[in-house]
Amino acid sequence: MKKAKITVSGGMRVRTYEVLRRCIEEGAEYGWMRAHKHTDAPDADAIKDQMVTAVLNAVSEYFHFDDDVQDPG
């Protein structure tokens, strides 16, 4: 099934950098809290894992990734 292209005209634009910055900031904060949910002293790997997961989840809420993009050449 082919998706129809939608053309939008007008003066509205998304401030992509700001949206991405907020996703990263909020995801990092949530991941930090999540890593400390069941322990007061999680190890560095647990903190990193929770922060990366939370940031990627936040980004995925606002950005769509075209995973099946094919090289035209």
PDB file of N, CA and C in Angstrom:
ATOM      1  N   MET A   1       0.834  -1.175   0.000  1.00  0.00           N
ATOM      2  CA  MET A   1       0.000   0.000   0.000  1.00  0.00           C
ATOM      3  C   MET A   1       0.879   1.238   0.000  1.00  0.00           C
ATOM      4  N   LYS A   2       0.686   2.098  -0.943  1.00  0.00           N
ATOM      5  CA  LYS A   2       1.492   3.296  -1.086  1.00  0.00           C
ATOM      6  C   LYS A   2       0.848   4.451  -0.317  1.00  0.00           C
ATOM      7  N   LYS A   3       1.663   5.177   0.439  1.00  0.00           N
ATOM      8  CA  LYS A   3       1.156   6.302   1.205  1.00  0.00           C
ATOM      9  C   LYS A   3       0.982   7.511   0.295  1.00  0.00           C
ATOM     10  N   ALA A   4      -0.093   8.227   0.478  1.00  0.00           N
ATOM     11  CA  ALA A   4      -0.330   9.444  -0.294  1.00  0.00           C
ATOM     12  C   ALA A   4       0.528  10.566   0.270  1.00  0.00           C
ATOM     13  N   LYS A   5       1.089  11.370  -0.599  1.00  0.00           N
ATOM     14  CA  LYS A   5       1.872  12.517  -0.156  1.00  0.00           C
ATOM     15  C   LYS A   5       0.931  13.630   0.254  1.00  0.00           C
ATOM     16  N   ILE A   6       1.244  14.242   1.360  1.00  0.00           N
ATOM     17  CA  ILE A   6       0.452  15.349   1.853  1.00  0.00           C
ATOM     18  C   ILE A   6       1.268  16.618   1.684  1.00  0.00           C
ATOM     19  N   THR A   7       0.688  17.601   1.036  1.00  0.00           N
ATOM     20  CA  THR A   7       1.356  18.872   0.842  1.00  0.00           C
ATOM     21  C   THR A   7       0.768  19.883   1.816  1.00  0.00           C
ATOM     22  N   VAL A   8       1.638  20.501   2.569  1.00  0.00           N
ATOM     23  CA  VAL A   8       1.208  21.506   3.527  1.00  0.00           C
ATOM     24  C   VAL A   8       1.812  22.833   3.104  1.00  0.00           C
ATOM     25  N   SER A   9       0.998  23.850   3.059  1.00  0.00           N
ATOM     26  CA  SER A   9       1.526  25.167   2.731  1.00  0.00           C
ATOM     27  C   SER A   9       1.141  26.131   3.833  1.00  0.00           C
ATOM     28  N   GLY A  10       1.890  27.164   3.946  1.00  0.00           N
ATOM     29  CA  GLY A  10       1.624  28.142   4.991  1.00  0.00           C
ATOM     30  C   GLY A  10       2.915  28.519   5.687  1.00  0.00           C
ATOM     31  N   GLY A  11       2.788  29.214   6.794  1.00  0.00           N
ATOM     32  CA  GLY A  11       3.961  29.747   7.477  1.00  0.00           C
ATOM     33  C   GLY A  11       4.374  29.003   8.728  1.00  0.00           C
ATOM     34  N   MET A  12       3.957  27.778   8.920  1.00  0.00           N
ATOM     35  CA  MET A  12       4.289  27.048  10.134  1.00  0.00           C
ATOM     36  C   MET A  12       5.411  26.045   9.878  1.00  0.00           C
ATOM     37  N   ARG A  13       6.427  26.060  10.757  1.00  0.00           N
ATOM     38  CA  ARG A  13       7.520  25.096  10.666  1.00  0.00           C
ATOM     39  C   ARG A  13       7.832  24.558  12.049  1.00  0.00           C
ATOM     40  N   VAL A  14       8.241  23.332  12.087  1.00  0.00           N
ATOM     41  CA  VAL A  14       8.635  22.709  13.349  1.00  0.00           C
ATOM     42  C   VAL A  14      10.069  23.115  13.661  1.00  0.00           C
ATOM     43  N   ARG A  15      10.305  23.478  14.891  1.00  0.00           N
ATOM     44  CA  ARG A  15      11.670  23.778  15.331  1.00  0.00           C
ATOM     45  C   ARG A  15      12.304  22.448  15.756  1.00  0.00           C
ATOM     46  N   THR A  16      12.791  21.717  14.773  1.00  0.00           N
ATOM     47  CA  THR A  16      13.263  20.348  14.956  1.00  0.00           C
ATOM     48  C   THR A  16      14.332  20.246  16.042  1.00  0.00           C
ATOM     49  N   TYR A  17      15.285  21.148  16.026  1.00  0.00           N
ATOM     50  CA  TYR A  17      16.366  21.105  17.014  1.00  0.00           C
ATOM     51  C   TYR A  17      15.794  21.214  18.425  1.00  0.00           C
ATOM     52  N   GLU A  18      14.841  22.106  18.625  1.00  0.00           N
ATOM     53  CA  GLU A  18      14.243  22.298  19.945  1.00  0.00           C
ATOM     54  C   GLU A  18      13.457  21.061  20.382  1.00  0.00           C
ATOM     55  N   VAL A  19      12.701  20.469  19.471  1.00  0.00           N
ATOM     56  CA  VAL A  19      11.945  19.260  19.801  1.00  0.00           C
ATOM     57  C   VAL A  19      12.911  18.124  20.154  1.00  0.00           C
ATOM     58  N   LEU A  20      13.959  17.959  19.368  1.00  0.00           N
ATOM     59  CA  LEU A  20      14.940  16.909  19.632  1.00  0.00           C
ATOM     60  C   LEU A  20      15.660  17.160  20.959  1.00  0.00           C
ATOM     61  N   ARG A  21      16.014  18.400  21.239  1.00  0.00           N
ATOM     62  CA  ARG A  21      16.684  18.744  22.495  1.00  0.00           C
ATOM     63  C   ARG A  21      15.802  18.390  23.692  1.00  0.00           C
ATOM     64  N   ARG A  22      14.518  18.696  23.586  1.00  0.00           N
ATOM     65  CA  ARG A  22      13.594  18.387  24.678  1.00  0.00           C
ATOM     66  C   ARG A  22      13.432  16.876  24.857  1.00  0.00           C
ATOM     67  N   CYS A  23      13.394  16.139  23.751  1.00  0.00           N
ATOM     68  CA  CYS A  23      13.312  14.676  23.841  1.00  0.00           C
ATOM     69  C   CYS A  23      14.518  14.116  24.588  1.00  0.00           C
ATOM     70  N   ILE A  24      15.688  14.610  24.241  1.00  0.00           N
ATOM     71  CA  ILE A  24      16.918  14.114  24.864  1.00  0.00           C
ATOM     72  C   ILE A  24      16.953  14.487  26.342  1.00  0.00           C
ATOM     73  N   GLU A  25      16.628  15.735  26.642  1.00  0.00           N
ATOM     74  CA  GLU A  25      16.642  16.204  28.025  1.00  0.00           C
ATOM     75  C   GLU A  25      15.643  15.431  28.889  1.00  0.00           C
ATOM     76  N   GLU A  26      14.417  15.318  28.425  1.00  0.00           N
ATOM     77  CA  GLU A  26      13.387  14.616  29.189  1.00  0.00           C
ATOM     78  C   GLU A  26      13.670  13.124  29.270  1.00  0.00           C
ATOM     79  N   GLY A  27      14.185  12.545  28.187  1.00  0.00           N
ATOM     80  CA  GLY A  27      14.525  11.129  28.200  1.00  0.00           C
ATOM     81  C   GLY A  27      15.662  10.825  29.157  1.00  0.00           C
ATOM     82  N   ALA A  28      16.672  11.687  29.176  1.00  0.00           N
ATOM     83  CA  ALA A  28      17.800  11.483  30.087  1.00  0.00           C
ATOM     84  C   ALA A  28      17.343  11.573  31.544  1.00  0.00           C
ATOM     85  N   GLU A  29      16.486  12.548  31.832  1.00  0.00           N
ATOM     86  CA  GLU A  29      15.975  12.690  33.195  1.00  0.00           C
ATOM     87  C   GLU A  29      15.134  11.480  33.604  1.00  0.00           C
ATOM     88  N   TYR A  30      14.254  11.036  32.705  1.00  0.00           N
ATOM     89  CA  TYR A  30      13.414   9.872  33.004  1.00  0.00           C
ATOM     90  C   TYR A  30      14.278   8.615  33.174  1.00  0.00           C
ATOM     91  N   GLY A  31      15.275   8.443  32.305  1.00  0.00           N
ATOM     92  CA  GLY A  31      16.156   7.279  32.399  1.00  0.00           C
ATOM     93  C   GLY A  31      16.936   7.260  33.704  1.00  0.00           C
ATOM     94  N   TRP A  32      17.379   8.432  34.144  1.00  0.00           N
ATOM     95  CA  TRP A  32      18.101   8.540  35.412  1.00  0.00           C
ATOM     96  C   TRP A  32      17.197   8.095  36.572  1.00  0.00           C
ATOM     97  N   MET A  33      15.959   8.610  36.565  1.00  0.00           N
ATOM     98  CA  MET A  33      15.013   8.236  37.628  1.00  0.00           C
ATOM     99  C   MET A  33      14.682   6.746  37.566  1.00  0.00           C
ATOM    100  N   ARG A  34      14.528   6.222  36.360  1.00  0.00           N
ATOM    101  CA  ARG A  34      14.195   4.804  36.183  1.00  0.00           C
ATOM    102  C   ARG A  34      15.332   3.908  36.684  1.00  0.00           C
ATOM    103  N   ALA A  35      16.577   4.319  36.428  1.00  0.00           N
ATOM    104  CA  ALA A  35      17.723   3.532  36.887  1.00  0.00           C
ATOM    105  C   ALA A  35      17.786   3.472  38.414  1.00  0.00           C
ATOM    106  N   HIS A  36      17.276   4.513  39.065  1.00  0.00           N
ATOM    107  CA  HIS A  36      17.305   4.576  40.527  1.00  0.00           C
ATOM    108  C   HIS A  36      15.998   4.111  41.171  1.00  0.00           C
ATOM    109  N   LYS A  37      15.115   3.525  40.386  1.00  0.00           N
ATOM    110  CA  LYS A  37      13.792   3.145  40.895  1.00  0.00           C
ATOM    111  C   LYS A  37      13.866   2.091  42.007  1.00  0.00           C
ATOM    112  N   HIS A  38      14.700   1.080  41.823  1.00  0.00           N
ATOM    113  CA  HIS A  38      14.738  -0.022  42.785  1.00  0.00           C
ATOM    114  C   HIS A  38      16.019  -0.068  43.601  1.00  0.00           C
ATOM    115  N   THR A  39      16.920   0.858  43.360  1.00  0.00           N
ATOM    116  CA  THR A  39      18.183   0.881  44.108  1.00  0.00           C
ATOM    117  C   THR A  39      18.676   2.316  44.227  1.00  0.00           C
ATOM    118  N   ASP A  40      19.352   2.599  45.327  1.00  0.00           N
ATOM    119  CA  ASP A  40      19.902   3.945  45.524  1.00  0.00           C
ATOM    120  C   ASP A  40      21.251   4.113  44.833  1.00  0.00           C
ATOM    121  N   ALA A  41      21.878   3.005  44.455  1.00  0.00           N
ATOM    122  CA  ALA A  41      23.208   3.082  43.850  1.00  0.00           C
ATOM    123  C   ALA A  41      23.328   2.124  42.663  1.00  0.00           C
ATOM    124  N   PRO A  42      22.665   2.419  41.547  1.00  0.00           N
ATOM    125  CA  PRO A  42      22.807   1.550  40.376  1.00  0.00           C
ATOM    126  C   PRO A  42      24.206   1.691  39.773  1.00  0.00           C
ATOM    127  N   ASP A  43      24.654   0.636  39.090  1.00  0.00           N
ATOM    128  CA  ASP A  43      25.976   0.739  38.456  1.00  0.00           C
ATOM    129  C   ASP A  43      25.881   1.587  37.182  1.00  0.00           C
ATOM    130  N   ALA A  44      27.020   1.991  36.681  1.00  0.00           N
ATOM    131  CA  ALA A  44      27.077   2.896  35.531  1.00  0.00           C
ATOM    132  C   ALA A  44      26.394   2.312  34.298  1.00  0.00           C
ATOM    133  N   ASP A  45      26.537   1.012  34.078  1.00  0.00           N
ATOM    134  CA  ASP A  45      25.911   0.373  32.916  1.00  0.00           C
ATOM    135  C   ASP A  45      24.387   0.422  32.994  1.00  0.00           C
ATOM    136  N   ALA A  46      23.849   0.202  34.189  1.00  0.00           N
ATOM    137  CA  ALA A  46      22.395   0.257  34.361  1.00  0.00           C
ATOM    138  C   ALA A  46      21.873   1.670  34.099  1.00  0.00           C
ATOM    139  N   ILE A  47      22.603   2.665  34.562  1.00  0.00           N
ATOM    140  CA  ILE A  47      22.204   4.058  34.331  1.00  0.00           C
ATOM    141  C   ILE A  47      22.229   4.372  32.840  1.00  0.00           C
ATOM    142  N   LYS A  48      23.327   4.009  32.179  1.00  0.00           N
ATOM    143  CA  LYS A  48      23.441   4.276  30.737  1.00  0.00           C
ATOM    144  C   LYS A  48      22.339   3.579  29.958  1.00  0.00           C
ATOM    145  N   ASP A  49      22.090   2.322  30.264  1.00  0.00           N
ATOM    146  CA  ASP A  49      21.059   1.564  29.546  1.00  0.00           C
ATOM    147  C   ASP A  49      19.682   2.215  29.691  1.00  0.00           C
ATOM    148  N   GLN A  50      19.331   2.588  30.907  1.00  0.00           N
ATOM    149  CA  GLN A  50      18.024   3.207  31.135  1.00  0.00           C
ATOM    150  C   GLN A  50      17.927   4.570  30.452  1.00  0.00           C
ATOM    151  N   MET A  51      19.016   5.339  30.471  1.00  0.00           N
ATOM    152  CA  MET A  51      18.993   6.664  29.842  1.00  0.00           C
ATOM    153  C   MET A  51      18.891   6.558  28.323  1.00  0.00           C
ATOM    154  N   VAL A  52      19.646   5.662  27.730  1.00  0.00           N
ATOM    155  CA  VAL A  52      19.594   5.482  26.271  1.00  0.00           C
ATOM    156  C   VAL A  52      18.200   5.019  25.851  1.00  0.00           C
ATOM    157  N   THR A  53      17.651   4.050  26.566  1.00  0.00           N
ATOM    158  CA  THR A  53      16.312   3.551  26.244  1.00  0.00           C
ATOM    159  C   THR A  53      15.274   4.668  26.345  1.00  0.00           C
ATOM    160  N   ALA A  54      15.332   5.443  27.402  1.00  0.00           N
ATOM    161  CA  ALA A  54      14.356   6.518  27.605  1.00  0.00           C
ATOM    162  C   ALA A  54      14.496   7.612  26.549  1.00  0.00           C
ATOM    163  N   VAL A  55      15.719   7.965  26.182  1.00  0.00           N
ATOM    164  CA  VAL A  55      15.925   8.982  25.155  1.00  0.00           C
ATOM    165  C   VAL A  55      15.393   8.493  23.817  1.00  0.00           C
ATOM    166  N   LEU A  56      15.710   7.269  23.447  1.00  0.00           N
ATOM    167  CA  LEU A  56      15.223   6.727  22.176  1.00  0.00           C
ATOM    168  C   LEU A  56      13.697   6.628  22.154  1.00  0.00           C
ATOM    169  N   ASN A  57      13.091   6.262  23.272  1.00  0.00           N
ATOM    170  CA  ASN A  57      11.628   6.221  23.340  1.00  0.00           C
ATOM    171  C   ASN A  57      11.026   7.613  23.164  1.00  0.00           C
ATOM    172  N   ALA A  58      11.618   8.608  23.794  1.00  0.00           N
ATOM    173  CA  ALA A  58      11.121   9.983  23.669  1.00  0.00           C
ATOM    174  C   ALA A  58      11.266  10.479  22.240  1.00  0.00           C
ATOM    175  N   VAL A  59      12.399  10.219  21.616  1.00  0.00           N
ATOM    176  CA  VAL A  59      12.621  10.641  20.232  1.00  0.00           C
ATOM    177  C   VAL A  59      11.621   9.948  19.306  1.00  0.00           C
ATOM    178  N   SER A  60      11.383   8.674  19.539  1.00  0.00           N
ATOM    179  CA  SER A  60      10.468   7.909  18.684  1.00  0.00           C
ATOM    180  C   SER A  60       9.024   8.387  18.795  1.00  0.00           C
ATOM    181  N   GLU A  61       8.680   9.068  19.879  1.00  0.00           N
ATOM    182  CA  GLU A  61       7.331   9.610  20.012  1.00  0.00           C
ATOM    183  C   GLU A  61       7.083  10.782  19.064  1.00  0.00           C
ATOM    184  N   TYR A  62       8.132  11.522  18.729  1.00  0.00           N
ATOM    185  CA  TYR A  62       7.969  12.737  17.933  1.00  0.00           C
ATOM    186  C   TYR A  62       8.561  12.666  16.533  1.00  0.00           C
ATOM    187  N   PHE A  63       9.401  11.649  16.277  1.00  0.00           N
ATOM    188  CA  PHE A  63      10.043  11.520  14.981  1.00  0.00           C
ATOM    189  C   PHE A  63       9.729  10.152  14.390  1.00  0.00           C
ATOM    190  N   HIS A  64       9.443  10.126  13.104  1.00  0.00           N
ATOM    191  CA  HIS A  64       9.184   8.873  12.388  1.00  0.00           C
ATOM    192  C   HIS A  64      10.422   8.538  11.565  1.00  0.00           C
ATOM    193  N   PHE A  65      10.861   7.309  11.664  1.00  0.00           N
ATOM    194  CA  PHE A  65      12.042   6.867  10.930  1.00  0.00           C
ATOM    195  C   PHE A  65      11.617   5.969   9.782  1.00  0.00           C
ATOM    196  N   ASP A  66      12.041   6.297   8.570  1.00  0.00           N
ATOM    197  CA  ASP A  66      11.746   5.484   7.397  1.00  0.00           C
ATOM    198  C   ASP A  66      12.808   4.396   7.303  1.00  0.00           C
ATOM    199  N   ASP A  67      12.554   3.278   7.957  1.00  0.00           N
ATOM    200  CA  ASP A  67      13.536   2.196   8.007  1.00  0.00           C
ATOM    201  C   ASP A  67      13.731   1.487   6.683  1.00  0.00           C
ATOM    202  N   ASP A  68      12.720   1.509   5.815  1.00  0.00           N
ATOM    203  CA  ASP A  68      12.852   0.793   4.559  1.00  0.00           C
ATOM    204  C   ASP A  68      13.154   1.747   3.393  1.00  0.00           C
ATOM    205  N   VAL A  69      13.997   2.735   3.632  1.00  0.00           N
ATOM    206  CA  VAL A  69      14.446   3.620   2.570  1.00  0.00           C
ATOM    207  C   VAL A  69      15.451   2.848   1.721  1.00  0.00           C
ATOM    208  N   GLN A  70      15.266   2.864   0.413  1.00  0.00           N
ATOM    209  CA  GLN A  70      16.168   2.121  -0.463  1.00  0.00           C
ATOM    210  C   GLN A  70      17.051   3.081  -1.239  1.00  0.00           C
ATOM    211  N   ASP A  71      18.280   2.659  -1.469  1.00  0.00           N
ATOM    212  CA  ASP A  71      19.245   3.438  -2.230  1.00  0.00           C
ATOM    213  C   ASP A  71      18.807   3.440  -3.704  1.00  0.00           C
ATOM    214  N   PRO A  72      18.613   4.632  -4.300  1.00  0.00           N
ATOM    215  CA  PRO A  72      18.142   4.677  -5.697  1.00  0.00           C
ATOM    216  C   PRO A  72      19.182   4.200  -6.699  1.00  0.00           C
ATOM    217  N   GLY A  73      20.440   4.088  -6.309  1.00  0.00           N
ATOM    218  CA  GLY A  73      21.500   3.695  -7.243  1.00  0.00           C
ATOM    219  C   GLY A  73      21.711   2.284  -7.221  1.00  0.00           C
TER     220      GLY A  73
END
